[in-house]
Amino acid sequence: MPKEQQSTRERQHIDIREPRRYTVTIYNDDFTTMEFVVKVLIEVFFKSKTEAETLMMTVHKSQKAVVGIYTYDIAVSKVQKATRMAREAGFPLRLSCEPEGGEDLPF
């Protein structure tokens, strides 16, 4: 008696989505110098000198400005690097990272 071979095929549904994006915001304070803010924007966020100066003035006038929108790991890394630079220079510069259209994440 011949053996029957069963062929079972399973289908897998792979749900591929674009990763969630996070907004990095920089806040104004009365102690961090404008020059230092421009330096951070150029060195950490890779802004041009002109763009960094424009963003710095936006922060100065509006109390905050969105610096960029990144994936989670990159956003957190940039916030931590900028905060570390500020603390080492003795400035209380504050940045936040929040899901696009969401709430702040603590840092």
PDB file of N, CA and C in Angstrom:
ATOM      1  N   MET A   1       0.841  -1.150   0.000  1.00  0.00           N
ATOM      2  CA  MET A   1       0.000   0.000   0.000  1.00  0.00           C
ATOM      3  C   MET A   1       0.907   1.241   0.000  1.00  0.00           C
ATOM      4  N   PRO A   2       0.715   2.090  -0.990  1.00  0.00           N
ATOM      5  CA  PRO A   2       1.557   3.296  -1.087  1.00  0.00           C
ATOM      6  C   PRO A   2       1.188   4.302   0.012  1.00  0.00           C
ATOM      7  N   LYS A   3       2.224   4.977   0.468  1.00  0.00           N
ATOM      8  CA  LYS A   3       2.010   6.001   1.498  1.00  0.00           C
ATOM      9  C   LYS A   3       1.575   7.289   0.829  1.00  0.00           C
ATOM     10  N   GLU A   4       0.639   7.934   1.479  1.00  0.00           N
ATOM     11  CA  GLU A   4       0.186   9.216   0.959  1.00  0.00           C
ATOM     12  C   GLU A   4       1.068  10.316   1.528  1.00  0.00           C
ATOM     13  N   GLN A   5       1.422  11.201   0.662  1.00  0.00           N
ATOM     14  CA  GLN A   5       2.190  12.353   1.116  1.00  0.00           C
ATOM     15  C   GLN A   5       1.245  13.529   1.264  1.00  0.00           C
ATOM     16  N   GLN A   6       1.323  14.130   2.405  1.00  0.00           N
ATOM     17  CA  GLN A   6       0.506  15.318   2.604  1.00  0.00           C
ATOM     18  C   GLN A   6       1.395  16.542   2.460  1.00  0.00           C
ATOM     19  N   SER A   7       0.895  17.428   1.717  1.00  0.00           N
ATOM     20  CA  SER A   7       1.615  18.667   1.520  1.00  0.00           C
ATOM     21  C   SER A   7       0.791  19.793   2.130  1.00  0.00           C
ATOM     22  N   THR A   8       1.321  20.344   3.165  1.00  0.00           N
ATOM     23  CA  THR A   8       0.627  21.449   3.817  1.00  0.00           C
ATOM     24  C   THR A   8       1.448  22.708   3.630  1.00  0.00           C
ATOM     25  N   ARG A   9       0.776  23.694   3.159  1.00  0.00           N
ATOM     26  CA  ARG A   9       1.444  24.985   2.984  1.00  0.00           C
ATOM     27  C   ARG A   9       0.830  25.981   3.949  1.00  0.00           C
ATOM     28  N   GLU A  10       1.680  26.607   4.699  1.00  0.00           N
ATOM     29  CA  GLU A  10       1.197  27.635   5.609  1.00  0.00           C
ATOM     30  C   GLU A  10       1.501  28.990   5.001  1.00  0.00           C
ATOM     31  N   ARG A  11       0.548  29.856   5.172  1.00  0.00           N
ATOM     32  CA  ARG A  11       0.768  31.219   4.710  1.00  0.00           C
ATOM     33  C   ARG A  11       1.047  32.092   5.918  1.00  0.00           C
ATOM     34  N   GLN A  12       2.030  32.879   5.776  1.00  0.00           N
ATOM     35  CA  GLN A  12       2.352  33.821   6.832  1.00  0.00           C
ATOM     36  C   GLN A  12       2.059  35.214   6.315  1.00  0.00           C
ATOM     37  N   HIS A  13       1.384  35.959   7.155  1.00  0.00           N
ATOM     38  CA  HIS A  13       1.102  37.342   6.812  1.00  0.00           C
ATOM     39  C   HIS A  13       2.126  38.208   7.537  1.00  0.00           C
ATOM     40  N   ILE A  14       2.920  38.893   6.785  1.00  0.00           N
ATOM     41  CA  ILE A  14       3.933  39.764   7.365  1.00  0.00           C
ATOM     42  C   ILE A  14       3.443  41.196   7.238  1.00  0.00           C
ATOM     43  N   ASP A  15       3.291  41.807   8.388  1.00  0.00           N
ATOM     44  CA  ASP A  15       2.789  43.178   8.439  1.00  0.00           C
ATOM     45  C   ASP A  15       3.980  44.126   8.564  1.00  0.00           C
ATOM     46  N   ILE A  16       4.343  44.741   7.485  1.00  0.00           N
ATOM     47  CA  ILE A  16       5.478  45.657   7.484  1.00  0.00           C
ATOM     48  C   ILE A  16       4.954  47.076   7.563  1.00  0.00           C
ATOM     49  N   ARG A  17       5.426  47.772   8.581  1.00  0.00           N
ATOM     50  CA  ARG A  17       5.017  49.158   8.770  1.00  0.00           C
ATOM     51  C   ARG A  17       6.246  50.044   8.895  1.00  0.00           C
ATOM     52  N   GLU A  18       6.074  51.278   8.542  1.00  0.00           N
ATOM     53  CA  GLU A  18       7.137  52.251   8.730  1.00  0.00           C
ATOM     54  C   GLU A  18       7.270  52.499  10.233  1.00  0.00           C
ATOM     55  N   PRO A  19       8.492  52.630  10.743  1.00  0.00           N
ATOM     56  CA  PRO A  19       8.647  52.839  12.189  1.00  0.00           C
ATOM     57  C   PRO A  19       8.034  54.164  12.636  1.00  0.00           C
ATOM     58  N   ARG A  20       7.563  54.170  13.874  1.00  0.00           N
ATOM     59  CA  ARG A  20       6.971  55.380  14.441  1.00  0.00           C
ATOM     60  C   ARG A  20       8.050  56.461  14.517  1.00  0.00           C
ATOM     61  N   ARG A  21       7.643  57.682  14.302  1.00  0.00           N
ATOM     62  CA  ARG A  21       8.599  58.780  14.296  1.00  0.00           C
ATOM     63  C   ARG A  21       8.402  59.660  15.528  1.00  0.00           C
ATOM     64  N   TYR A  22       9.504  60.285  15.960  1.00  0.00           N
ATOM     65  CA  TYR A  22       9.509  61.072  17.180  1.00  0.00           C
ATOM     66  C   TYR A  22      10.030  62.481  16.898  1.00  0.00           C
ATOM     67  N   THR A  23       9.361  63.446  17.500  1.00  0.00           N
ATOM     68  CA  THR A  23       9.709  64.851  17.330  1.00  0.00           C
ATOM     69  C   THR A  23      10.660  65.267  18.448  1.00  0.00           C
ATOM     70  N   VAL A  24      11.776  65.900  18.077  1.00  0.00           N
ATOM     71  CA  VAL A  24      12.712  66.438  19.054  1.00  0.00           C
ATOM     72  C   VAL A  24      12.486  67.942  19.120  1.00  0.00           C
ATOM     73  N   THR A  25      12.223  68.435  20.350  1.00  0.00           N
ATOM     74  CA  THR A  25      11.956  69.844  20.577  1.00  0.00           C
ATOM     75  C   THR A  25      13.013  70.415  21.517  1.00  0.00           C
ATOM     76  N   ILE A  26      13.451  71.628  21.224  1.00  0.00           N
ATOM     77  CA  ILE A  26      14.410  72.324  22.076  1.00  0.00           C
ATOM     78  C   ILE A  26      13.687  73.506  22.713  1.00  0.00           C
ATOM     79  N   TYR A  27      13.999  73.774  23.992  1.00  0.00           N
ATOM     80  CA  TYR A  27      13.291  74.803  24.746  1.00  0.00           C
ATOM     81  C   TYR A  27      14.215  75.953  25.136  1.00  0.00           C
ATOM     82  N   ASN A  28      13.628  77.125  25.232  1.00  0.00           N
ATOM     83  CA  ASN A  28      14.359  78.316  25.628  1.00  0.00           C
ATOM     84  C   ASN A  28      14.585  78.330  27.139  1.00  0.00           C
ATOM     85  N   ASP A  29      15.700  78.898  27.549  1.00  0.00           N
ATOM     86  CA  ASP A  29      15.933  79.184  28.965  1.00  0.00           C
ATOM     87  C   ASP A  29      16.737  80.485  29.036  1.00  0.00           C
ATOM     88  N   ASP A  30      16.883  81.013  30.236  1.00  0.00           N
ATOM     89  CA  ASP A  30      17.551  82.307  30.394  1.00  0.00           C
ATOM     90  C   ASP A  30      19.056  82.197  30.588  1.00  0.00           C
ATOM     91  N   PHE A  31      19.613  81.005  30.560  1.00  0.00           N
ATOM     92  CA  PHE A  31      21.021  80.832  30.870  1.00  0.00           C
ATOM     93  C   PHE A  31      21.863  80.312  29.707  1.00  0.00           C
ATOM     94  N   THR A  32      21.310  79.453  28.880  1.00  0.00           N
ATOM     95  CA  THR A  32      22.061  78.886  27.758  1.00  0.00           C
ATOM     96  C   THR A  32      22.272  79.966  26.713  1.00  0.00           C
ATOM     97  N   THR A  33      23.516  80.128  26.290  1.00  0.00           N
ATOM     98  CA  THR A  33      23.816  81.184  25.323  1.00  0.00           C
ATOM     99  C   THR A  33      23.319  80.802  23.925  1.00  0.00           C
ATOM    100  N   MET A  34      23.027  81.821  23.154  1.00  0.00           N
ATOM    101  CA  MET A  34      22.570  81.591  21.776  1.00  0.00           C
ATOM    102  C   MET A  34      23.653  80.891  20.965  1.00  0.00           C
ATOM    103  N   GLU A  35      24.902  81.240  21.224  1.00  0.00           N
ATOM    104  CA  GLU A  35      26.021  80.632  20.495  1.00  0.00           C
ATOM    105  C   GLU A  35      26.105  79.135  20.781  1.00  0.00           C
ATOM    106  N   PHE A  36      25.855  78.764  22.041  1.00  0.00           N
ATOM    107  CA  PHE A  36      25.906  77.348  22.398  1.00  0.00           C
ATOM    108  C   PHE A  36      24.767  76.582  21.728  1.00  0.00           C
ATOM    109  N   VAL A  37      23.587  77.165  21.686  1.00  0.00           N
ATOM    110  CA  VAL A  37      22.439  76.515  21.031  1.00  0.00           C
ATOM    111  C   VAL A  37      22.760  76.284  19.556  1.00  0.00           C
ATOM    112  N   VAL A  38      23.349  77.279  18.901  1.00  0.00           N
ATOM    113  CA  VAL A  38      23.737  77.134  17.485  1.00  0.00           C
ATOM    114  C   VAL A  38      24.758  76.009  17.350  1.00  0.00           C
ATOM    115  N   LYS A  39      25.731  75.955  18.266  1.00  0.00           N
ATOM    116  CA  LYS A  39      26.749  74.899  18.234  1.00  0.00           C
ATOM    117  C   LYS A  39      26.103  73.506  18.332  1.00  0.00           C
ATOM    118  N   VAL A  40      25.171  73.344  19.262  1.00  0.00           N
ATOM    119  CA  VAL A  40      24.476  72.060  19.434  1.00  0.00           C
ATOM    120  C   VAL A  40      23.707  71.702  18.161  1.00  0.00           C
ATOM    121  N   LEU A  41      23.015  72.659  17.599  1.00  0.00           N
ATOM    122  CA  LEU A  41      22.225  72.391  16.394  1.00  0.00           C
ATOM    123  C   LEU A  41      23.104  71.977  15.218  1.00  0.00           C
ATOM    124  N   ILE A  42      24.287  72.548  15.136  1.00  0.00           N
ATOM    125  CA  ILE A  42      25.206  72.201  14.044  1.00  0.00           C
ATOM    126  C   ILE A  42      25.863  70.840  14.298  1.00  0.00           C
ATOM    127  N   GLU A  43      26.384  70.632  15.516  1.00  0.00           N
ATOM    128  CA  GLU A  43      27.156  69.424  15.811  1.00  0.00           C
ATOM    129  C   GLU A  43      26.312  68.174  16.053  1.00  0.00           C
ATOM    130  N   VAL A  44      25.173  68.323  16.686  1.00  0.00           N
ATOM    131  CA  VAL A  44      24.361  67.150  17.028  1.00  0.00           C
ATOM    132  C   VAL A  44      23.284  66.887  15.975  1.00  0.00           C
ATOM    133  N   PHE A  45      22.656  67.956  15.497  1.00  0.00           N
ATOM    134  CA  PHE A  45      21.529  67.795  14.572  1.00  0.00           C
ATOM    135  C   PHE A  45      21.910  68.058  13.118  1.00  0.00           C
ATOM    136  N   PHE A  46      23.166  68.354  12.875  1.00  0.00           N
ATOM    137  CA  PHE A  46      23.710  68.532  11.523  1.00  0.00           C
ATOM    138  C   PHE A  46      22.960  69.591  10.716  1.00  0.00           C
ATOM    139  N   LYS A  47      22.638  70.692  11.371  1.00  0.00           N
ATOM    140  CA  LYS A  47      21.991  71.811  10.681  1.00  0.00           C
ATOM    141  C   LYS A  47      23.084  72.700  10.099  1.00  0.00           C
ATOM    142  N   SER A  48      22.750  73.401   9.017  1.00  0.00           N
ATOM    143  CA  SER A  48      23.694  74.377   8.470  1.00  0.00           C
ATOM    144  C   SER A  48      23.743  75.561   9.432  1.00  0.00           C
ATOM    145  N   LYS A  49      24.755  76.397   9.304  1.00  0.00           N
ATOM    146  CA  LYS A  49      24.876  77.558  10.199  1.00  0.00           C
ATOM    147  C   LYS A  49      23.653  78.455  10.082  1.00  0.00           C
ATOM    148  N   THR A  50      23.190  78.686   8.875  1.00  0.00           N
ATOM    149  CA  THR A  50      22.018  79.536   8.656  1.00  0.00           C
ATOM    150  C   THR A  50      20.770  78.930   9.287  1.00  0.00           C
ATOM    151  N   GLU A  51      20.555  77.638   9.052  1.00  0.00           N
ATOM    152  CA  GLU A  51      19.378  76.962   9.612  1.00  0.00           C
ATOM    153  C   GLU A  51      19.448  76.930  11.141  1.00  0.00           C
ATOM    154  N   ALA A  52      20.656  76.708  11.687  1.00  0.00           N
ATOM    155  CA  ALA A  52      20.833  76.676  13.135  1.00  0.00           C
ATOM    156  C   ALA A  52      20.518  78.044  13.745  1.00  0.00           C
ATOM    157  N   GLU A  53      20.977  79.097  13.112  1.00  0.00           N
ATOM    158  CA  GLU A  53      20.699  80.444  13.623  1.00  0.00           C
ATOM    159  C   GLU A  53      19.212  80.770  13.547  1.00  0.00           C
ATOM    160  N   THR A  54      18.551  80.346  12.470  1.00  0.00           N
ATOM    161  CA  THR A  54      17.108  80.569  12.334  1.00  0.00           C
ATOM    162  C   THR A  54      16.343  79.807  13.418  1.00  0.00           C
ATOM    163  N   LEU A  55      16.704  78.550  13.648  1.00  0.00           N
ATOM    164  CA  LEU A  55      16.061  77.749  14.697  1.00  0.00           C
ATOM    165  C   LEU A  55      16.298  78.355  16.075  1.00  0.00           C
ATOM    166  N   MET A  56      17.529  78.815  16.324  1.00  0.00           N
ATOM    167  CA  MET A  56      17.853  79.430  17.608  1.00  0.00           C
ATOM    168  C   MET A  56      16.983  80.660  17.843  1.00  0.00           C
ATOM    169  N   MET A  57      16.762  81.478  16.824  1.00  0.00           N
ATOM    170  CA  MET A  57      15.920  82.667  16.969  1.00  0.00           C
ATOM    171  C   MET A  57      14.455  82.275  17.192  1.00  0.00           C
ATOM    172  N   THR A  58      14.020  81.195  16.561  1.00  0.00           N
ATOM    173  CA  THR A  58      12.663  80.692  16.778  1.00  0.00           C
ATOM    174  C   THR A  58      12.493  80.267  18.232  1.00  0.00           C
ATOM    175  N   VAL A  59      13.487  79.572  18.772  1.00  0.00           N
ATOM    176  CA  VAL A  59      13.452  79.149  20.174  1.00  0.00           C
ATOM    177  C   VAL A  59      13.421  80.378  21.073  1.00  0.00           C
ATOM    178  N   HIS A  60      14.238  81.355  20.760  1.00  0.00           N
ATOM    179  CA  HIS A  60      14.325  82.566  21.571  1.00  0.00           C
ATOM    180  C   HIS A  60      12.993  83.328  21.596  1.00  0.00           C
ATOM    181  N   LYS A  61      12.338  83.411  20.458  1.00  0.00           N
ATOM    182  CA  LYS A  61      11.090  84.180  20.357  1.00  0.00           C
ATOM    183  C   LYS A  61       9.857  83.380  20.780  1.00  0.00           C
ATOM    184  N   SER A  62       9.822  82.090  20.469  1.00  0.00           N
ATOM    185  CA  SER A  62       8.625  81.267  20.712  1.00  0.00           C
ATOM    186  C   SER A  62       8.749  80.338  21.913  1.00  0.00           C
ATOM    187  N   GLN A  63       9.881  80.378  22.597  1.00  0.00           N
ATOM    188  CA  GLN A  63      10.154  79.540  23.769  1.00  0.00           C
ATOM    189  C   GLN A  63      10.471  78.080  23.443  1.00  0.00           C
ATOM    190  N   LYS A  64      10.217  77.645  22.224  1.00  0.00           N
ATOM    191  CA  LYS A  64      10.579  76.283  21.822  1.00  0.00           C
ATOM    192  C   LYS A  64      10.529  76.178  20.302  1.00  0.00           C
ATOM    193  N   ALA A  65      11.171  75.128  19.789  1.00  0.00           N
ATOM    194  CA  ALA A  65      11.134  74.872  18.349  1.00  0.00           C
ATOM    195  C   ALA A  65      11.410  73.395  18.100  1.00  0.00           C
ATOM    196  N   VAL A  66      10.793  72.864  17.069  1.00  0.00           N
ATOM    197  CA  VAL A  66      11.044  71.478  16.667  1.00  0.00           C
ATOM    198  C   VAL A  66      12.353  71.455  15.889  1.00  0.00           C
ATOM    199  N   VAL A  67      13.265  70.624  16.353  1.00  0.00           N
ATOM    200  CA  VAL A  67      14.585  70.520  15.752  1.00  0.00           C
ATOM    201  C   VAL A  67      14.597  69.497  14.623  1.00  0.00           C
ATOM    202  N   GLY A  68      13.812  68.431  14.786  1.00  0.00           N
ATOM    203  CA  GLY A  68      13.765  67.400  13.767  1.00  0.00           C
ATOM    204  C   GLY A  68      12.813  66.283  14.154  1.00  0.00           C
ATOM    205  N   ILE A  69      12.562  65.411  13.191  1.00  0.00           N
ATOM    206  CA  ILE A  69      11.706  64.248  13.405  1.00  0.00           C
ATOM    207  C   ILE A  69      12.510  63.023  12.984  1.00  0.00           C
ATOM    208  N   TYR A  70      12.642  62.074  13.920  1.00  0.00           N
ATOM    209  CA  TYR A  70      13.518  60.924  13.720  1.00  0.00           C
ATOM    210  C   TYR A  70      12.841  59.642  14.211  1.00  0.00           C
ATOM    211  N   THR A  71      13.472  58.514  13.915  1.00  0.00           N
ATOM    212  CA  THR A  71      13.034  57.265  14.524  1.00  0.00           C
ATOM    213  C   THR A  71      13.415  57.321  16.003  1.00  0.00           C
ATOM    214  N   TYR A  72      12.833  56.444  16.809  1.00  0.00           N
ATOM    215  CA  TYR A  72      13.012  56.499  18.263  1.00  0.00           C
ATOM    216  C   TYR A  72      14.478  56.497  18.685  1.00  0.00           C
ATOM    217  N   ASP A  73      15.247  55.532  18.215  1.00  0.00           N
ATOM    218  CA  ASP A  73      16.641  55.402  18.641  1.00  0.00           C
ATOM    219  C   ASP A  73      17.460  56.641  18.312  1.00  0.00           C
ATOM    220  N   ILE A  74      17.262  57.176  17.139  1.00  0.00           N
ATOM    221  CA  ILE A  74      18.020  58.359  16.724  1.00  0.00           C
ATOM    222  C   ILE A  74      17.587  59.573  17.538  1.00  0.00           C
ATOM    223  N   ALA A  75      16.283  59.738  17.746  1.00  0.00           N
ATOM    224  CA  ALA A  75      15.776  60.880  18.525  1.00  0.00           C
ATOM    225  C   ALA A  75      16.331  60.846  19.947  1.00  0.00           C
ATOM    226  N   VAL A  76      16.254  59.702  20.600  1.00  0.00           N
ATOM    227  CA  VAL A  76      16.749  59.570  21.972  1.00  0.00           C
ATOM    228  C   VAL A  76      18.249  59.822  22.022  1.00  0.00           C
ATOM    229  N   SER A  77      18.987  59.276  21.082  1.00  0.00           N
ATOM    230  CA  SER A  77      20.432  59.454  21.042  1.00  0.00           C
ATOM    231  C   SER A  77      20.808  60.928  20.896  1.00  0.00           C
ATOM    232  N   LYS A  78      20.125  61.634  20.022  1.00  0.00           N
ATOM    233  CA  LYS A  78      20.416  63.053  19.812  1.00  0.00           C
ATOM    234  C   LYS A  78      20.069  63.887  21.042  1.00  0.00           C
ATOM    235  N   VAL A  79      18.948  63.609  21.678  1.00  0.00           N
ATOM    236  CA  VAL A  79      18.559  64.335  22.892  1.00  0.00           C
ATOM    237  C   VAL A  79      19.607  64.097  23.984  1.00  0.00           C
ATOM    238  N   GLN A  80      20.024  62.859  24.162  1.00  0.00           N
ATOM    239  CA  GLN A  80      21.008  62.543  25.195  1.00  0.00           C
ATOM    240  C   GLN A  80      22.354  63.205  24.912  1.00  0.00           C
ATOM    241  N   LYS A  81      22.787  63.184  23.659  1.00  0.00           N
ATOM    242  CA  LYS A  81      24.068  63.794  23.298  1.00  0.00           C
ATOM    243  C   LYS A  81      24.034  65.305  23.518  1.00  0.00           C
ATOM    244  N   ALA A  82      22.956  65.957  23.095  1.00  0.00           N
ATOM    245  CA  ALA A  82      22.830  67.411  23.264  1.00  0.00           C
ATOM    246  C   ALA A  82      22.753  67.775  24.746  1.00  0.00           C
ATOM    247  N   THR A  83      22.020  66.998  25.525  1.00  0.00           N
ATOM    248  CA  THR A  83      21.900  67.255  26.962  1.00  0.00           C
ATOM    249  C   THR A  83      23.247  67.078  27.653  1.00  0.00           C
ATOM    250  N   ARG A  84      23.968  66.050  27.272  1.00  0.00           N
ATOM    251  CA  ARG A  84      25.294  65.803  27.848  1.00  0.00           C
ATOM    252  C   ARG A  84      26.248  66.963  27.528  1.00  0.00           C
ATOM    253  N   MET A  85      26.214  67.423  26.268  1.00  0.00           N
ATOM    254  CA  MET A  85      27.052  68.571  25.879  1.00  0.00           C
ATOM    255  C   MET A  85      26.716  69.795  26.731  1.00  0.00           C
ATOM    256  N   ALA A  86      25.427  70.041  26.926  1.00  0.00           N
ATOM    257  CA  ALA A  86      24.984  71.207  27.686  1.00  0.00           C
ATOM    258  C   ALA A  86      25.437  71.117  29.137  1.00  0.00           C
ATOM    259  N   ARG A  87      25.286  69.950  29.764  1.00  0.00           N
ATOM    260  CA  ARG A  87      25.672  69.789  31.160  1.00  0.00           C
ATOM    261  C   ARG A  87      27.181  69.952  31.334  1.00  0.00           C
ATOM    262  N   GLU A  88      27.944  69.408  30.384  1.00  0.00           N
ATOM    263  CA  GLU A  88      29.403  69.531  30.453  1.00  0.00           C
ATOM    264  C   GLU A  88      29.839  70.990  30.321  1.00  0.00           C
ATOM    265  N   ALA A  89      29.050  71.786  29.578  1.00  0.00           N
ATOM    266  CA  ALA A  89      29.357  73.211  29.399  1.00  0.00           C
ATOM    267  C   ALA A  89      28.713  74.061  30.496  1.00  0.00           C
ATOM    268  N   GLY A  90      27.935  73.432  31.392  1.00  0.00           N
ATOM    269  CA  GLY A  90      27.323  74.148  32.497  1.00  0.00           C
ATOM    270  C   GLY A  90      26.010  74.847  32.154  1.00  0.00           C
ATOM    271  N   PHE A  91      25.328  74.381  31.113  1.00  0.00           N
ATOM    272  CA  PHE A  91      24.060  74.991  30.699  1.00  0.00           C
ATOM    273  C   PHE A  91      22.884  74.062  31.011  1.00  0.00           C
ATOM    274  N   PRO A  92      21.723  74.652  31.349  1.00  0.00           N
ATOM    275  CA  PRO A  92      20.535  73.843  31.645  1.00  0.00           C
ATOM    276  C   PRO A  92      19.644  73.587  30.423  1.00  0.00           C
ATOM    277  N   LEU A  93      20.220  73.573  29.247  1.00  0.00           N
ATOM    278  CA  LEU A  93      19.450  73.389  28.008  1.00  0.00           C
ATOM    279  C   LEU A  93      18.545  72.166  28.130  1.00  0.00           C
ATOM    280  N   ARG A  94      17.287  72.313  27.707  1.00  0.00           N
ATOM    281  CA  ARG A  94      16.331  71.214  27.805  1.00  0.00           C
ATOM    282  C   ARG A  94      15.817  70.857  26.421  1.00  0.00           C
ATOM    283  N   LEU A  95      15.770  69.561  26.147  1.00  0.00           N
ATOM    284  CA  LEU A  95      15.205  69.028  24.920  1.00  0.00           C
ATOM    285  C   LEU A  95      14.227  67.931  25.292  1.00  0.00           C
ATOM    286  N   SER A  96      13.270  67.691  24.424  1.00  0.00           N
ATOM    287  CA  SER A  96      12.338  66.592  24.669  1.00  0.00           C
ATOM    288  C   SER A  96      12.165  65.787  23.397  1.00  0.00           C
ATOM    289  N   CYS A  97      11.708  64.567  23.599  1.00  0.00           N
ATOM    290  CA  CYS A  97      11.448  63.642  22.509  1.00  0.00           C
ATOM    291  C   CYS A  97      10.037  63.123  22.723  1.00  0.00           C
ATOM    292  N   GLU A  98       9.188  63.260  21.740  1.00  0.00           N
ATOM    293  CA  GLU A  98       7.807  62.785  21.888  1.00  0.00           C
ATOM    294  C   GLU A  98       7.346  62.142  20.592  1.00  0.00           C
ATOM    295  N   PRO A  99       6.471  61.161  20.695  1.00  0.00           N
ATOM    296  CA  PRO A  99       5.939  60.546  19.474  1.00  0.00           C
ATOM    297  C   PRO A  99       5.233  61.615  18.648  1.00  0.00           C
ATOM    298  N   GLU A 100       5.357  61.506  17.366  1.00  0.00           N
ATOM    299  CA  GLU A 100       4.710  62.470  16.489  1.00  0.00           C
ATOM    300  C   GLU A 100       3.218  62.533  16.855  1.00  0.00           C
ATOM    301  N   GLY A 101       2.779  63.709  17.284  1.00  0.00           N
ATOM    302  CA  GLY A 101       1.384  63.883  17.687  1.00  0.00           C
ATOM    303  C   GLY A 101       1.067  63.270  19.032  1.00  0.00           C
ATOM    304  N   GLY A 102       2.082  63.034  19.880  1.00  0.00           N
ATOM    305  CA  GLY A 102       1.849  62.366  21.155  1.00  0.00           C
ATOM    306  C   GLY A 102       2.391  63.136  22.335  1.00  0.00           C
ATOM    307  N   GLU A 103       2.644  62.399  23.432  1.00  0.00           N
ATOM    308  CA  GLU A 103       3.102  62.992  24.673  1.00  0.00           C
ATOM    309  C   GLU A 103       4.610  62.890  24.819  1.00  0.00           C
ATOM    310  N   ASP A 104       5.173  63.764  25.686  1.00  0.00           N
ATOM    311  CA  ASP A 104       6.614  63.783  25.958  1.00  0.00           C
ATOM    312  C   ASP A 104       7.089  62.468  26.553  1.00  0.00           C
ATOM    313  N   LEU A 105       8.314  62.107  26.190  1.00  0.00           N
ATOM    314  CA  LEU A 105       8.986  60.979  26.835  1.00  0.00           C
ATOM    315  C   LEU A 105       9.958  61.576  27.832  1.00  0.00           C
ATOM    316  N   PRO A 106      10.094  61.013  29.020  1.00  0.00           N
ATOM    317  CA  PRO A 106      10.978  61.603  30.031  1.00  0.00           C
ATOM    318  C   PRO A 106      12.449  61.387  29.707  1.00  0.00           C
ATOM    319  N   PHE A 107      13.235  62.446  29.862  1.00  0.00           N
ATOM    320  CA  PHE A 107      14.701  62.364  29.701  1.00  0.00           C
ATOM    321  C   PHE A 107      15.349  63.220  30.740  1.00  0.00           C
TER     322      PHE A 107
END
